[in-house]
C-alpha atoms as a PDB file:
ATOM      1  CA  UNK A   1      94.566 139.140  99.487  1.00  0.00           C
ATOM      2  CA  UNK A   2      92.648 136.950 101.929  1.00  0.00           C
ATOM      3  CA  UNK A   3      94.242 136.879 105.373  1.00  0.00           C
ATOM      4  CA  UNK A   4      94.473 133.088 105.642  1.00  0.00           C
ATOM      5  CA  UNK A   5      96.169 132.916 102.247  1.00  0.00           C
ATOM      6  CA  UNK A   6      98.735 135.514 103.287  1.00  0.00           C
ATOM      7  CA  UNK A   7      99.578 133.567 106.455  1.00  0.00           C
ATOM      8  CA  UNK A   8     100.094 130.413 104.409  1.00  0.00           C
ATOM      9  CA  UNK A   9     102.211 132.291 101.866  1.00  0.00           C
ATOM     10  CA  UNK A  10     104.471 133.407 104.705  1.00  0.00           C
ATOM     11  CA  UNK A  11     105.186 129.737 105.376  1.00  0.00           C
ATOM     12  CA  UNK A  12     103.683 129.966 108.861  1.00  0.00           C
ATOM     13  CA  UNK A  13     101.211 127.121 108.406  1.00  0.00           C
ATOM     14  CA  UNK A  14      98.687 125.694 105.958  1.00  0.00           C
ATOM     15  CA  UNK A  15      95.667 127.639 104.734  1.00  0.00           C
ATOM     16  CA  UNK A  16      93.327 125.483 106.802  1.00  0.00           C
ATOM     17  CA  UNK A  17      95.334 125.943 109.984  1.00  0.00           C
ATOM     18  CA  UNK A  18      95.574 129.651 109.260  1.00  0.00           C
ATOM     19  CA  UNK A  19      91.771 129.734 109.229  1.00  0.00           C
ATOM     20  CA  UNK A  20      91.717 128.009 112.624  1.00  0.00           C
ATOM     21  CA  UNK A  21      94.187 130.534 114.042  1.00  0.00           C
ATOM     22  CA  UNK A  22      92.039 133.411 112.768  1.00  0.00           C
ATOM     23  CA  UNK A  23      88.883 131.919 114.282  1.00  0.00           C
ATOM     24  CA  UNK A  24      90.709 131.391 117.575  1.00  0.00           C
ATOM     25  CA  UNK A  25      91.588 135.091 117.761  1.00  0.00           C
ATOM     26  CA  UNK A  26      95.335 134.503 117.390  1.00  0.00           C
ATOM     27  CA  UNK A  27      95.759 136.884 114.442  1.00  0.00           C
ATOM     28  CA  UNK A  28      95.998 140.676 114.524  1.00  0.00           C
ATOM     29  CA  UNK A  29      95.887 143.107 111.627  1.00  0.00           C
ATOM     30  CA  UNK A  30      97.273 146.559 112.418  1.00  0.00           C
ATOM     31  CA  UNK A  31      96.859 145.908 116.144  1.00  0.00           C
ATOM     32  CA  UNK A  32      93.276 144.645 115.923  1.00  0.00           C
ATOM     33  CA  UNK A  33      92.204 141.039 116.427  1.00  0.00           C
ATOM     34  CA  UNK A  34      90.152 139.851 113.452  1.00  0.00           C
ATOM     35  CA  UNK A  35      88.250 136.578 113.468  1.00  0.00           C
ATOM     36  CA  UNK A  36      86.392 136.754 110.149  1.00  0.00           C
ATOM     37  CA  UNK A  37      87.564 134.265 107.513  1.00  0.00           C
ATOM     38  CA  UNK A  38      86.560 136.746 104.817  1.00  0.00           C
ATOM     39  CA  UNK A  39      89.093 139.359 105.920  1.00  0.00           C
ATOM     40  CA  UNK A  40      91.185 140.838 103.123  1.00  0.00           C
ATOM     41  CA  UNK A  41      94.466 142.660 103.602  1.00  0.00           C
ATOM     42  CA  UNK A  42      96.991 144.730 101.660  1.00  0.00           C
ATOM     43  CA  UNK A  43     100.317 142.919 102.260  1.00  0.00           C
ATOM     44  CA  UNK A  44     102.386 145.974 101.316  1.00  0.00           C
ATOM     45  CA  UNK A  45     100.657 148.188 103.917  1.00  0.00           C
ATOM     46  CA  UNK A  46      99.193 146.052 106.712  1.00  0.00           C
ATOM     47  CA  UNK A  47     101.068 144.664 109.729  1.00  0.00           C
ATOM     48  CA  UNK A  48     100.093 141.044 110.467  1.00  0.00           C
ATOM     49  CA  UNK A  49     100.810 139.340 113.782  1.00  0.00           C
ATOM     50  CA  UNK A  50     100.221 135.662 114.515  1.00  0.00           C
ATOM     51  CA  UNK A  51     100.535 134.677 118.164  1.00  0.00           C
ATOM     52  CA  UNK A  52     102.096 138.082 118.775  1.00  0.00           C
ATOM     53  CA  UNK A  53     104.792 137.617 116.126  1.00  0.00           C
ATOM     54  CA  UNK A  54     104.931 139.714 112.981  1.00  0.00           C
ATOM     55  CA  UNK A  55     105.055 137.603 109.860  1.00  0.00           C
ATOM     56  CA  UNK A  56     106.297 138.497 106.395  1.00  0.00           C
ATOM     57  CA  UNK A  57     106.739 136.308 103.323  1.00  0.00           C
ATOM     58  CA  UNK A  58     110.237 134.795 103.076  1.00  0.00           C
ATOM     59  CA  UNK A  59     112.125 134.771  99.773  1.00  0.00           C
ATOM     60  CA  UNK A  60     110.450 132.055  97.768  1.00  0.00           C
ATOM     61  CA  UNK A  61     112.196 128.688  97.714  1.00  0.00           C
ATOM     62  CA  UNK A  62     111.075 125.413  96.151  1.00  0.00           C
ATOM     63  CA  UNK A  63     113.096 122.206  96.162  1.00  0.00           C
ATOM     64  CA  UNK A  64     112.843 118.704  94.744  1.00  0.00           C
ATOM     65  CA  UNK A  65     113.721 115.961  97.207  1.00  0.00           C
ATOM     66  CA  UNK A  66     114.237 112.267  96.428  1.00  0.00           C
ATOM     67  CA  UNK A  67     112.590 110.784  99.493  1.00  0.00           C
ATOM     68  CA  UNK A  68     113.941 107.459 100.756  1.00  0.00           C
ATOM     69  CA  UNK A  69     111.644 104.700 101.985  1.00  0.00           C
ATOM     70  CA  UNK A  70     111.142 104.646 105.740  1.00  0.00           C
ATOM     71  CA  UNK A  71     110.812 108.437 106.003  1.00  0.00           C
ATOM     72  CA  UNK A  72     107.414 110.013 106.577  1.00  0.00           C
ATOM     73  CA  UNK A  73     106.153 113.123 104.809  1.00  0.00           C
ATOM     74  CA  UNK A  74     105.455 115.266 107.836  1.00  0.00           C
ATOM     75  CA  UNK A  75     106.855 118.254 109.669  1.00  0.00           C
ATOM     76  CA  UNK A  76     106.891 116.358 112.994  1.00  0.00           C
ATOM     77  CA  UNK A  77     105.975 112.952 114.359  1.00  0.00           C
ATOM     78  CA  UNK A  78     104.871 111.680 117.768  1.00  0.00           C
ATOM     79  CA  UNK A  79     105.903 108.058 117.156  1.00  0.00           C
ATOM     80  CA  UNK A  80     109.684 108.452 116.903  1.00  0.00           C
ATOM     81  CA  UNK A  81     109.742 108.091 113.123  1.00  0.00           C
ATOM     82  CA  UNK A  82     112.113 109.976 110.861  1.00  0.00           C
ATOM     83  CA  UNK A  83     110.462 112.805 108.901  1.00  0.00           C
ATOM     84  CA  UNK A  84     111.555 114.549 105.716  1.00  0.00           C
ATOM     85  CA  UNK A  85     112.249 117.648 107.799  1.00  0.00           C
ATOM     86  CA  UNK A  86     114.692 115.698 109.978  1.00  0.00           C
ATOM     87  CA  UNK A  87     116.947 114.923 107.027  1.00  0.00           C
ATOM     88  CA  UNK A  88     116.905 118.301 105.306  1.00  0.00           C
ATOM     89  CA  UNK A  89     119.467 120.996 106.237  1.00  0.00           C
ATOM     90  CA  UNK A  90     118.362 123.391 108.944  1.00  0.00           C
ATOM     91  CA  UNK A  91     118.903 126.274 106.523  1.00  0.00           C
ATOM     92  CA  UNK A  92     116.007 124.951 104.430  1.00  0.00           C
ATOM     93  CA  UNK A  93     113.756 124.456 107.421  1.00  0.00           C
ATOM     94  CA  UNK A  94     114.474 128.002 108.567  1.00  0.00           C
ATOM     95  CA  UNK A  95     113.292 129.286 105.182  1.00  0.00           C
ATOM     96  CA  UNK A  96     109.914 127.682 105.799  1.00  0.00           C
ATOM     97  CA  UNK A  97     109.743 125.006 103.119  1.00  0.00           C
ATOM     98  CA  UNK A  98     106.940 122.496 103.682  1.00  0.00           C
ATOM     99  CA  UNK A  99     105.902 119.365 101.771  1.00  0.00           C
ATOM    100  CA  UNK A 100     103.503 120.066  98.904  1.00  0.00           C
ATOM    101  CA  UNK A 101     101.562 116.823  99.092  1.00  0.00           C
ATOM    102  CA  UNK A 102     102.797 113.571 100.547  1.00  0.00           C
ATOM    103  CA  UNK A 103     104.408 110.244  99.866  1.00  0.00           C
ATOM    104  CA  UNK A 104     103.687 107.156 101.927  1.00  0.00           C
ATOM    105  CA  UNK A 105     106.347 106.043 104.381  1.00  0.00           C
ATOM    106  CA  UNK A 106     107.423 103.071 102.264  1.00  0.00           C
ATOM    107  CA  UNK A 107     107.386 104.969  98.956  1.00  0.00           C
ATOM    108  CA  UNK A 108     110.465 106.577  97.448  1.00  0.00           C
ATOM    109  CA  UNK A 109     110.800 109.374  94.949  1.00  0.00           C
ATOM    110  CA  UNK A 110     109.971 112.922  94.028  1.00  0.00           C
ATOM    111  CA  UNK A 111     108.650 115.154  96.777  1.00  0.00           C
ATOM    112  CA  UNK A 112     108.294 118.900  96.295  1.00  0.00           C
ATOM    113  CA  UNK A 113     108.806 121.198  99.278  1.00  0.00           C
ATOM    114  CA  UNK A 114     108.141 124.930  99.066  1.00  0.00           C
ATOM    115  CA  UNK A 115     107.455 128.071 101.068  1.00  0.00           C
ATOM    116  CA  UNK A 116     105.280 129.381  98.220  1.00  0.00           C
ATOM    117  CA  UNK A 117     101.732 128.846  99.435  1.00  0.00           C
ATOM    118  CA  UNK A 118     100.182 129.497  96.038  1.00  0.00           C
ATOM    119  CA  UNK A 119     102.417 126.905  94.378  1.00  0.00           C
ATOM    120  CA  UNK A 120     101.710 124.334  97.084  1.00  0.00           C
ATOM    121  CA  UNK A 121      97.989 124.938  96.601  1.00  0.00           C
ATOM    122  CA  UNK A 122      98.370 124.573  92.831  1.00  0.00           C
ATOM    123  CA  UNK A 123     100.147 121.222  93.228  1.00  0.00           C
ATOM    124  CA  UNK A 124      97.878 119.696  95.857  1.00  0.00           C
ATOM    125  CA  UNK A 125      94.344 120.976  95.312  1.00  0.00           C
ATOM    126  CA  UNK A 126      92.172 118.395  93.531  1.00  0.00           C
ATOM    127  CA  UNK A 127      90.713 121.090  91.283  1.00  0.00           C
ATOM    128  CA  UNK A 128      93.966 121.341  89.337  1.00  0.00           C
ATOM    129  CA  UNK A 129      94.330 117.587  88.783  1.00  0.00           C
ATOM    130  CA  UNK A 130      98.132 117.735  88.843  1.00  0.00           C
ATOM    131  CA  UNK A 131      99.503 114.491  87.418  1.00  0.00           C
ATOM    132  CA  UNK A 132     101.746 112.219  89.494  1.00  0.00           C
ATOM    133  CA  UNK A 133     103.581 109.380  87.801  1.00  0.00           C
ATOM    134  CA  UNK A 134     104.708 106.321  89.748  1.00  0.00           C
ATOM    135  CA  UNK A 135     106.956 103.412  88.923  1.00  0.00           C
ATOM    136  CA  UNK A 136     105.546 100.326  90.649  1.00  0.00           C
ATOM    137  CA  UNK A 137     106.938  96.817  90.824  1.00  0.00           C
ATOM    138  CA  UNK A 138     103.999  94.498  91.501  1.00  0.00           C
ATOM    139  CA  UNK A 139     103.701  90.809  92.190  1.00  0.00           C
ATOM    140  CA  UNK A 140     102.802  88.505  89.319  1.00  0.00           C
ATOM    141  CA  UNK A 141     101.731  89.606  85.867  1.00  0.00           C
ATOM    142  CA  UNK A 142      98.585  91.769  85.751  1.00  0.00           C
ATOM    143  CA  UNK A 143      96.295  90.897  82.857  1.00  0.00           C
ATOM    144  CA  UNK A 144      95.400  93.604  80.360  1.00  0.00           C
ATOM    145  CA  UNK A 145      91.814  93.601  81.631  1.00  0.00           C
ATOM    146  CA  UNK A 146      93.026  94.127  85.198  1.00  0.00           C
ATOM    147  CA  UNK A 147      95.087  97.132  84.114  1.00  0.00           C
ATOM    148  CA  UNK A 148      92.090  98.406  82.168  1.00  0.00           C
ATOM    149  CA  UNK A 149      90.154  98.420  85.433  1.00  0.00           C
ATOM    150  CA  UNK A 150      92.715 100.852  86.843  1.00  0.00           C
ATOM    151  CA  UNK A 151      92.235 103.036  83.776  1.00  0.00           C
ATOM    152  CA  UNK A 152      88.492 103.063  84.364  1.00  0.00           C
ATOM    153  CA  UNK A 153      88.747 103.491  88.138  1.00  0.00           C
ATOM    154  CA  UNK A 154      88.495 100.960  90.960  1.00  0.00           C
ATOM    155  CA  UNK A 155      86.640 101.108  94.252  1.00  0.00           C
ATOM    156  CA  UNK A 156      88.639 101.732  97.420  1.00  0.00           C
ATOM    157  CA  UNK A 157      86.544 101.587 100.569  1.00  0.00           C
ATOM    158  CA  UNK A 158      83.424 102.237  98.530  1.00  0.00           C
ATOM    159  CA  UNK A 159      84.829 105.205  96.564  1.00  0.00           C
ATOM    160  CA  UNK A 160      85.671 105.034  92.885  1.00  0.00           C
ATOM    161  CA  UNK A 161      89.122 106.342  92.010  1.00  0.00           C
ATOM    162  CA  UNK A 162      89.538 108.696  89.098  1.00  0.00           C
ATOM    163  CA  UNK A 163      90.723 106.982  85.891  1.00  0.00           C
ATOM    164  CA  UNK A 164      94.457 106.266  85.868  1.00  0.00           C
ATOM    165  CA  UNK A 165      96.749 106.024  82.863  1.00  0.00           C
ATOM    166  CA  UNK A 166      99.090 103.085  82.346  1.00  0.00           C
ATOM    167  CA  UNK A 167     102.213 104.504  80.716  1.00  0.00           C
ATOM    168  CA  UNK A 168     104.225 101.295  80.390  1.00  0.00           C
ATOM    169  CA  UNK A 169     104.284  97.638  81.432  1.00  0.00           C
ATOM    170  CA  UNK A 170     107.468  95.555  81.649  1.00  0.00           C
ATOM    171  CA  UNK A 171     107.599  91.919  82.911  1.00  0.00           C
ATOM    172  CA  UNK A 172     110.504  91.193  85.282  1.00  0.00           C
ATOM    173  CA  UNK A 173     110.634  87.505  86.124  1.00  0.00           C
ATOM    174  CA  UNK A 174     107.928  86.819  88.691  1.00  0.00           C
ATOM    175  CA  UNK A 175     106.958  90.487  88.927  1.00  0.00           C
ATOM    176  CA  UNK A 176     105.978  93.357  86.642  1.00  0.00           C
ATOM    177  CA  UNK A 177     107.158  96.961  86.464  1.00  0.00           C
ATOM    178  CA  UNK A 178     104.229  99.284  85.734  1.00  0.00           C
ATOM    179  CA  UNK A 179     104.328 103.056  85.250  1.00  0.00           C
ATOM    180  CA  UNK A 180     101.001 104.488  86.349  1.00  0.00           C
ATOM    181  CA  UNK A 181      99.792 108.100  86.224  1.00  0.00           C
ATOM    182  CA  UNK A 182      97.134 109.465  88.606  1.00  0.00           C
ATOM    183  CA  UNK A 183      96.077 112.924  89.723  1.00  0.00           C
ATOM    184  CA  UNK A 184      94.494 112.122  93.069  1.00  0.00           C
ATOM    185  CA  UNK A 185      96.274 111.829  96.394  1.00  0.00           C
ATOM    186  CA  UNK A 186      94.364 109.415  98.594  1.00  0.00           C
ATOM    187  CA  UNK A 187      96.319 107.657 101.329  1.00  0.00           C
ATOM    188  CA  UNK A 188      98.352 104.724  99.929  1.00  0.00           C
ATOM    189  CA  UNK A 189      96.327 105.103  96.733  1.00  0.00           C
ATOM    190  CA  UNK A 190      98.592 103.372  94.203  1.00  0.00           C
ATOM    191  CA  UNK A 191      99.214 100.424  96.517  1.00  0.00           C
ATOM    192  CA  UNK A 192      95.508 100.046  97.233  1.00  0.00           C
ATOM    193  CA  UNK A 193      94.609 100.310  93.550  1.00  0.00           C
ATOM    194  CA  UNK A 194      96.883  97.415  92.671  1.00  0.00           C
ATOM    195  CA  UNK A 195      95.610  95.442  95.659  1.00  0.00           C
ATOM    196  CA  UNK A 196      92.099  95.954  94.277  1.00  0.00           C
ATOM    197  CA  UNK A 197      93.090  94.066  91.110  1.00  0.00           C
ATOM    198  CA  UNK A 198      94.886  91.318  93.046  1.00  0.00           C
ATOM    199  CA  UNK A 199      98.539  92.395  92.825  1.00  0.00           C
ATOM    200  CA  UNK A 200     100.630  93.572  95.768  1.00  0.00           C
ATOM    201  CA  UNK A 201     103.112  96.413  95.308  1.00  0.00           C
ATOM    202  CA  UNK A 202     106.672  95.302  96.053  1.00  0.00           C
ATOM    203  CA  UNK A 203     108.375  98.611  95.313  1.00  0.00           C
ATOM    204  CA  UNK A 204     106.997 102.081  94.597  1.00  0.00           C
ATOM    205  CA  UNK A 205     108.679 105.291  93.481  1.00  0.00           C
ATOM    206  CA  UNK A 206     107.230 108.603  92.293  1.00  0.00           C
ATOM    207  CA  UNK A 207     109.091 109.827  89.240  1.00  0.00           C
ATOM    208  CA  UNK A 208     107.099 112.876  88.133  1.00  0.00           C
ATOM    209  CA  UNK A 209     104.852 115.669  89.440  1.00  0.00           C
ATOM    210  CA  UNK A 210     103.221 117.767  86.737  1.00  0.00           C
ATOM    211  CA  UNK A 211     105.955 118.062  84.112  1.00  0.00           C
ATOM    212  CA  UNK A 212     108.742 118.017  86.705  1.00  0.00           C
ATOM    213  CA  UNK A 213     110.658 114.733  86.592  1.00  0.00           C
ATOM    214  CA  UNK A 214     112.855 113.179  89.286  1.00  0.00           C
ATOM    215  CA  UNK A 215     115.642 112.477  86.817  1.00  0.00           C
ATOM    216  CA  UNK A 216     118.989 111.393  88.266  1.00  0.00           C
ATOM    217  CA  UNK A 217     118.649 113.152  91.634  1.00  0.00           C
ATOM    218  CA  UNK A 218     120.286 110.723  94.116  1.00  0.00           C
ATOM    219  CA  UNK A 219     118.174 109.077  96.796  1.00  0.00           C
ATOM    220  CA  UNK A 220     118.055 111.227  99.927  1.00  0.00           C
ATOM    221  CA  UNK A 221     119.330 114.337  98.118  1.00  0.00           C
ATOM    222  CA  UNK A 222     117.638 117.610  97.148  1.00  0.00           C
ATOM    223  CA  UNK A 223     118.069 120.424  94.659  1.00  0.00           C
ATOM    224  CA  UNK A 224     116.659 123.919  94.357  1.00  0.00           C
ATOM    225  CA  UNK A 225     114.225 124.305  91.490  1.00  0.00           C
ATOM    226  CA  UNK A 226     114.777 126.786  88.701  1.00  0.00           C
ATOM    227  CA  UNK A 227     112.052 129.084  87.332  1.00  0.00           C
ATOM    228  CA  UNK A 228     111.715 126.601  84.432  1.00  0.00           C
ATOM    229  CA  UNK A 229     111.206 123.749  86.908  1.00  0.00           C
ATOM    230  CA  UNK A 230     108.532 125.701  88.737  1.00  0.00           C
ATOM    231  CA  UNK A 231     106.809 126.420  85.447  1.00  0.00           C
ATOM    232  CA  UNK A 232     106.831 122.667  84.813  1.00  0.00           C
ATOM    233  CA  UNK A 233     105.077 122.142  88.148  1.00  0.00           C
ATOM    234  CA  UNK A 234     102.484 124.774  87.404  1.00  0.00           C
ATOM    235  CA  UNK A 235     101.383 123.571  83.973  1.00  0.00           C
ATOM    236  CA  UNK A 236      99.750 120.426  82.698  1.00  0.00           C
ATOM    237  CA  UNK A 237     101.860 117.488  81.534  1.00  0.00           C
END
């Protein structure tokens, strides 16, 4: 196993930050500092130290969390904002769960946190195109052609988004409830996509990741995922 992957699997940090720690000479394997990003190890035999501390993989834990609006998807914040880690029990934090992906501060809904580095990579890496379904309430009544633009892809800051899928459309007085499915994760992507077709997002909630659905999990609450749930995260919808 690659060294940076092992460090991430231990819940110590992300793969990218593990690479930075290796390059900075902060990682030892069997008492020897190694700085090559191509280093491979045998987890069952080798002793790995990061910043002088031995690390081993914790028992795997993955949870679903119904994130409230106003909470940021981060492990810490320098601007006195509440993070998802602030409102989870310390017992979960001590087991090394980290957000697999992100939700914007003003967006509610399904957020997966895990200490399984491989699963987090599977959920977040663009190569796997993991679907995310959102329920958006937007201003006005988007025309069919406008929604078709989302399905073809719209330009955000000069970049074309991947085609979305419109799962349902329901008028609600002066607004419209739209279920939209994407597999990218650009910052504020759903909001910006609707802005690109002339409709502001009033309310936004993520209701599905892969085949894992939010269901009736109360806002601000979490639950541990079963092996069947994790399988749903790891396979295509």
